[in-house]
Amino acid sequence: MKLILRKNDSATSLLLFIFNNYYTKNLKDSLKLSSLLSILKIFDKNETAIRMSLSRAVKSGFLLNCKKDNEVIYKLTIQGNQAIQAWNEGVQSYWKRYIKRYQPWDGKWYYIYIEFSSDKKQKIEIIDKLQLLGFSLINTNNWICPYYLKNEINETIGKYNLKCIIEILGEMNIRKDMTEFLDEVYKFDILRKKYKDFINIYEPKLLQTKEIYKLDKFVDSGQALPLLHELGWEFFTIASDDPVLPNQLFPVWEADKASSIMKEFRNLLLEASLKYLNKFD
């Protein structure tokens, strides 16, 4: 999953995050300016910065604004909805891969060879899609995945009208130590350090939040919302590069603990955040 929003505190990131969660709660894709001013202030944004952020989001095509009953309203555009869906798809793809990690594995690898067209934008889209599915590049145009995803690959071939492709499913013989090979392909040393850093930061925060997430003072302040945004951004920045190998192949993996922390912490923060957003209409 390639994160489409470049900075975790960018205007676009925050606005789409708020609209995403507000829609989850109320099934509405528009918010009053007064509501957005209140919500974004808990992200330490002043009114001038908020208005500038909204203006940029409108110019970028993510939001449109109008007046209704003397109140300025901001509404998600089709482009804004697509951006949210792309983020949610990336999030869901990780958890789908993670479920496979603890399912029986037959020891077979799925290999594909793809020749890309000269269309650079399309190439980037295809690469992002392959990584979403859990494929990793071993060298130019050669991709491997420990899971058989023929239907997903057929869908990708059809969508992008790919002509040249080779598919092989079977055992993979490596003429070097398997652990060394996996480390080279997946850069596990880098991922392991990032997961450890995540655990060291967010495990204590989870324990602290368990004590207060139901308190009116915490809910009414809206402080769960920026923490929820931060948590999701930091976790999926790491997880987007994680192929989530089968447990039989890679039994000890820091992502297991990090994922557990992420799920539990997100549930607590989401409960408090949705209660906070409930007061806006």
Protein backbone atom coordinates (compact mmCIF):
# COMPACT_ATOMS: atom_id res chain seq x y z
CA MET A 1 0.00 0.00 0.00
CA LYS A 2 1.56 3.26 -1.07
CA LEU A 3 0.33 6.09 1.09
CA ILE A 4 -1.31 8.66 -1.12
CA LEU A 5 -1.01 11.41 1.45
CA ARG A 6 2.57 12.55 1.75
CA LYS A 7 2.72 13.88 5.31
CA ASN A 8 0.85 12.69 8.34
CA ASP A 9 -0.01 16.25 9.40
CA SER A 10 -0.83 17.59 5.92
CA ALA A 11 -4.09 19.42 5.35
CA THR A 12 -5.34 16.81 2.91
CA SER A 13 -4.45 13.94 5.23
CA LEU A 14 -6.28 15.44 8.20
CA LEU A 15 -9.35 16.52 6.29
CA LEU A 16 -9.85 13.17 4.55
CA PHE A 17 -9.23 11.38 7.84
CA ILE A 18 -11.96 13.44 9.52
CA PHE A 19 -14.43 12.96 6.68
CA ASN A 20 -13.68 9.23 6.62
CA ASN A 21 -14.48 8.78 10.30
CA TYR A 22 -17.44 11.17 10.25
CA TYR A 23 -18.99 9.19 7.40
CA THR A 24 -18.39 5.96 9.34
CA LYS A 25 -20.42 7.39 12.20
CA ASN A 26 -23.15 9.36 10.43
CA LEU A 27 -23.18 8.15 6.81
CA LYS A 28 -22.87 11.80 5.73
CA ASP A 29 -20.20 13.18 3.41
CA SER A 30 -20.49 16.87 4.31
CA LEU A 31 -19.58 18.99 7.31
CA LYS A 32 -20.27 22.57 8.32
CA LEU A 33 -17.37 25.00 8.39
CA SER A 34 -18.08 25.67 12.07
CA SER A 35 -17.79 21.94 12.80
CA LEU A 36 -14.51 21.62 10.90
CA LEU A 37 -13.08 24.63 12.75
CA SER A 38 -13.89 22.97 16.08
CA ILE A 39 -12.57 19.55 15.07
CA LEU A 40 -9.32 20.74 13.50
CA LYS A 41 -8.47 22.91 16.50
CA ILE A 42 -7.79 19.74 18.50
CA PHE A 43 -5.02 19.03 15.95
CA ASP A 44 -3.40 22.30 17.07
CA LYS A 45 -4.45 24.12 13.91
CA ASN A 46 -5.45 27.78 14.21
CA GLU A 47 -8.39 29.20 12.29
CA THR A 48 -6.26 30.87 9.62
CA ALA A 49 -4.40 27.63 8.91
CA ILE A 50 -7.67 25.68 8.82
CA ARG A 51 -9.26 28.04 6.31
CA MET A 52 -6.16 27.88 4.12
CA SER A 53 -6.19 24.08 4.32
CA LEU A 54 -9.84 23.95 3.27
CA SER A 55 -9.14 26.31 0.39
CA ARG A 56 -6.30 24.09 -0.84
CA ALA A 57 -8.49 21.00 -0.54
CA VAL A 58 -11.15 22.68 -2.69
CA LYS A 59 -8.57 23.75 -5.29
CA SER A 60 -7.16 20.21 -5.33
CA GLY A 61 -10.59 18.79 -6.07
CA PHE A 62 -11.04 16.81 -2.84
CA LEU A 63 -13.78 19.04 -1.42
CA LEU A 64 -16.35 21.51 -2.70
CA ASN A 65 -18.05 24.23 -0.70
CA CYS A 66 -21.46 25.84 -0.81
CA LYS A 67 -23.79 27.85 1.41
CA LYS A 68 -26.92 26.48 3.03
CA ASP A 69 -29.03 28.44 5.53
CA ASN A 70 -26.22 31.01 5.85
CA GLU A 71 -23.80 28.23 6.83
CA VAL A 72 -20.79 27.26 4.71
CA ILE A 73 -20.78 23.52 4.00
CA TYR A 74 -17.85 21.40 2.77
CA LYS A 75 -18.65 18.21 0.88
CA LEU A 76 -16.49 15.37 -0.39
CA THR A 77 -16.12 15.20 -4.15
CA ILE A 78 -15.83 12.01 -6.18
CA GLN A 79 -12.06 12.51 -6.10
CA GLY A 80 -12.13 12.90 -2.34
CA ASN A 81 -14.17 9.73 -1.96
CA GLN A 82 -11.76 7.87 -4.23
CA ALA A 83 -8.81 8.99 -2.10
CA ILE A 84 -10.52 7.72 1.05
CA GLN A 85 -11.40 4.44 -0.65
CA ALA A 86 -7.80 4.02 -1.78
CA TRP A 87 -6.58 4.48 1.79
CA ASN A 88 -9.19 2.08 3.17
CA GLU A 89 -8.32 -0.48 0.50
CA GLY A 90 -4.68 -0.30 1.53
CA VAL A 91 -5.59 -0.77 5.19
CA GLN A 92 -7.86 -3.71 4.43
CA SER A 93 -5.24 -5.34 2.20
CA TYR A 94 -2.81 -5.55 5.10
CA TRP A 95 -5.31 -7.31 7.36
CA LYS A 96 -6.22 -9.71 4.55
CA ARG A 97 -2.53 -10.61 4.20
CA TYR A 98 -2.21 -10.93 7.95
CA ILE A 99 -5.08 -13.46 8.13
CA LYS A 100 -3.23 -15.60 5.56
CA ARG A 101 -0.16 -15.61 7.80
CA TYR A 102 -1.82 -18.06 10.21
CA GLN A 103 -3.52 -20.24 7.65
CA PRO A 104 -1.93 -23.56 6.52
CA TRP A 105 0.78 -22.98 3.92
CA ASP A 106 1.71 -25.57 1.31
CA GLY A 107 5.26 -24.28 0.80
CA LYS A 108 4.53 -23.07 -2.73
CA TRP A 109 5.38 -19.66 -4.13
CA TYR A 110 3.50 -17.72 -6.78
CA TYR A 111 5.86 -16.18 -9.34
CA ILE A 112 4.82 -13.71 -12.02
CA TYR A 113 6.74 -11.91 -14.75
CA ILE A 114 5.22 -8.71 -16.10
CA GLU A 115 6.40 -6.45 -18.90
CA PHE A 116 5.10 -2.94 -18.34
CA SER A 117 4.00 -0.53 -21.01
CA SER A 118 5.69 2.84 -21.50
CA ASP A 119 2.88 4.50 -19.55
CA LYS A 120 4.66 5.51 -16.32
CA LYS A 121 1.46 6.37 -14.46
CA GLN A 122 -0.02 2.98 -15.27
CA LYS A 123 3.19 1.24 -14.23
CA ILE A 124 3.10 2.94 -10.83
CA GLU A 125 -0.56 1.92 -10.38
CA ILE A 126 0.22 -1.72 -11.25
CA ILE A 127 3.22 -1.83 -8.92
CA ASP A 128 1.11 -0.37 -6.10
CA LYS A 129 -1.57 -2.98 -6.77
CA LEU A 130 0.95 -5.84 -6.70
CA GLN A 131 2.37 -4.60 -3.41
CA LEU A 132 -1.15 -4.27 -2.01
CA LEU A 133 -1.66 -7.94 -2.80
CA GLY A 134 1.60 -8.94 -1.10
CA PHE A 135 3.94 -9.37 -4.07
CA SER A 136 7.59 -8.36 -3.74
CA LEU A 137 10.04 -7.52 -6.51
CA ILE A 138 13.10 -9.79 -6.65
CA ASN A 139 14.56 -8.09 -9.73
CA THR A 140 13.33 -6.28 -12.83
CA ASN A 141 9.76 -7.37 -13.68
CA ASN A 142 10.00 -10.53 -11.50
CA TRP A 143 7.62 -10.73 -8.56
CA ILE A 144 7.00 -13.39 -5.91
CA CYS A 145 4.32 -13.98 -3.31
CA PRO A 146 3.88 -16.91 -0.90
CA TYR A 147 0.13 -16.89 -1.54
CA TYR A 148 -1.66 -18.03 -4.69
CA LEU A 149 -3.65 -15.04 -5.95
CA LYS A 150 -4.63 -16.07 -9.46
CA ASN A 151 -8.05 -14.38 -9.38
CA GLU A 152 -6.55 -11.09 -8.22
CA ILE A 153 -3.84 -11.24 -10.87
CA ASN A 154 -6.39 -12.05 -13.58
CA GLU A 155 -8.37 -9.00 -12.49
CA THR A 156 -5.25 -6.84 -12.69
CA ILE A 157 -4.35 -8.20 -16.13
CA GLY A 158 -7.85 -7.43 -17.38
CA LYS A 159 -7.99 -3.97 -15.86
CA TYR A 160 -4.69 -2.82 -17.37
CA ASN A 161 -4.81 -4.96 -20.53
CA LEU A 162 -1.43 -6.54 -19.80
CA LYS A 163 -0.15 -8.69 -22.65
CA CYS A 164 3.11 -10.27 -21.51
CA ILE A 165 2.96 -12.26 -18.32
CA ILE A 166 4.35 -15.54 -17.01
CA GLU A 167 2.84 -17.28 -13.98
CA ILE A 168 4.38 -20.17 -12.05
CA LEU A 169 3.13 -21.81 -8.85
CA GLY A 170 5.44 -24.27 -7.10
CA GLU A 171 8.31 -24.84 -4.71
CA MET A 172 11.12 -22.31 -4.84
CA ASN A 173 14.71 -23.53 -4.61
CA ILE A 174 17.20 -20.91 -3.49
CA ARG A 175 20.94 -21.48 -3.99
CA LYS A 176 21.76 -19.63 -0.81
CA ASP A 177 20.50 -19.56 2.75
CA MET A 178 16.72 -18.95 2.71
CA THR A 179 16.86 -16.52 5.63
CA GLU A 180 19.55 -14.51 3.88
CA PHE A 181 17.51 -14.45 0.67
CA LEU A 182 14.36 -13.32 2.46
CA ASP A 183 16.26 -10.57 4.25
CA GLU A 184 17.62 -9.33 0.91
CA VAL A 185 14.20 -9.30 -0.76
CA TYR A 186 12.08 -8.00 2.09
CA LYS A 187 14.57 -5.83 4.04
CA PHE A 188 13.44 -7.40 7.31
CA ASP A 189 16.15 -5.68 9.38
CA ILE A 190 14.68 -2.30 8.50
CA LEU A 191 11.09 -3.43 9.03
CA ARG A 192 11.97 -5.13 12.33
CA LYS A 193 13.49 -1.92 13.74
CA LYS A 194 10.48 0.14 12.67
CA TYR A 195 8.07 -2.31 14.30
CA LYS A 196 10.13 -2.31 17.52
CA ASP A 197 10.08 1.50 17.58
CA PHE A 198 6.30 1.42 17.08
CA ILE A 199 5.87 -1.05 19.95
CA ASN A 200 8.09 1.01 22.27
CA ILE A 201 6.06 4.15 21.60
CA TYR A 202 2.51 2.88 21.44
CA GLU A 203 2.42 0.06 23.99
CA PRO A 204 2.79 2.55 26.89
CA LYS A 205 0.26 4.90 25.25
CA LEU A 206 -2.20 2.01 24.96
CA LEU A 207 -1.85 1.21 28.66
CA GLN A 208 -2.41 4.87 29.57
CA THR A 209 -5.43 5.20 27.30
CA LYS A 210 -7.08 2.08 28.72
CA GLU A 211 -7.50 4.00 31.96
CA ILE A 212 -9.23 7.03 30.45
CA TYR A 213 -10.83 6.23 27.07
CA LYS A 214 -14.36 6.01 28.54
CA LEU A 215 -14.09 9.12 30.72
CA ASP A 216 -16.26 12.05 29.64
CA LYS A 217 -13.32 14.42 29.94
CA PHE A 218 -11.27 12.41 27.44
CA VAL A 219 -14.17 11.82 25.02
CA ASP A 220 -15.50 15.39 25.06
CA SER A 221 -12.05 16.88 24.51
CA GLY A 222 -11.75 15.04 21.20
CA GLN A 223 -8.15 14.09 22.01
CA ALA A 224 -8.73 10.54 20.83
CA LEU A 225 -9.08 11.77 17.25
CA PRO A 226 -5.55 13.13 16.65
CA LEU A 227 -4.11 10.12 18.47
CA LEU A 228 -6.14 7.80 16.23
CA HIS A 229 -4.82 9.62 13.15
CA GLU A 230 -1.24 9.40 14.39
CA LEU A 231 -1.57 5.71 15.30
CA GLY A 232 -2.95 4.68 11.92
CA TRP A 233 -0.42 6.71 9.99
CA GLU A 234 2.59 5.39 11.89
CA PHE A 235 1.48 1.76 11.75
CA PHE A 236 0.50 1.57 8.09
CA THR A 237 3.60 3.47 6.99
CA ILE A 238 5.43 0.37 8.21
CA ALA A 239 2.84 -2.30 7.40
CA SER A 240 2.49 -1.15 3.79
CA ASP A 241 5.96 -2.61 3.12
CA ASP A 242 5.36 -5.84 5.03
CA PRO A 243 4.59 -8.92 2.86
CA VAL A 244 3.31 -10.75 5.97
CA LEU A 245 4.97 -14.09 5.28
CA PRO A 246 3.38 -17.37 6.45
CA ASN A 247 3.98 -18.26 10.07
CA GLN A 248 5.54 -21.58 9.00
CA LEU A 249 8.16 -19.67 7.03
CA PHE A 250 8.75 -16.78 9.43
CA PRO A 251 7.49 -17.74 12.91
CA VAL A 252 9.08 -14.92 14.93
CA TRP A 253 8.03 -11.53 13.64
CA GLU A 254 7.65 -8.24 15.49
CA ALA A 255 4.63 -7.37 13.38
CA ASP A 256 2.58 -9.85 15.41
CA LYS A 257 2.89 -7.78 18.57
CA ALA A 258 2.67 -4.46 16.71
CA SER A 259 -0.53 -5.60 14.95
CA SER A 260 -2.07 -6.68 18.24
CA ILE A 261 -1.31 -3.29 19.79
CA MET A 262 -2.64 -1.53 16.70
CA LYS A 263 -5.98 -3.39 16.72
CA GLU A 264 -6.63 -2.98 20.44
CA PHE A 265 -5.55 0.65 20.56
CA ARG A 266 -7.51 1.56 17.43
CA ASN A 267 -10.71 0.06 18.86
CA LEU A 268 -10.39 2.13 22.05
CA LEU A 269 -9.62 5.35 20.21
CA LEU A 270 -12.27 4.79 17.56
CA GLU A 271 -14.95 4.33 20.21
CA ALA A 272 -14.01 7.62 21.88
CA SER A 273 -13.56 9.43 18.54
CA LEU A 274 -16.97 8.44 17.19
CA LYS A 275 -18.63 9.57 20.41
CA TYR A 276 -16.91 12.93 19.97
CA LEU A 277 -17.92 13.26 16.31
CA ASN A 278 -21.50 12.41 17.22
CA LYS A 279 -22.09 15.94 18.43
CA PHE A 280 -21.48 17.41 14.97
CA ASP A 281 -24.20 17.39 12.30
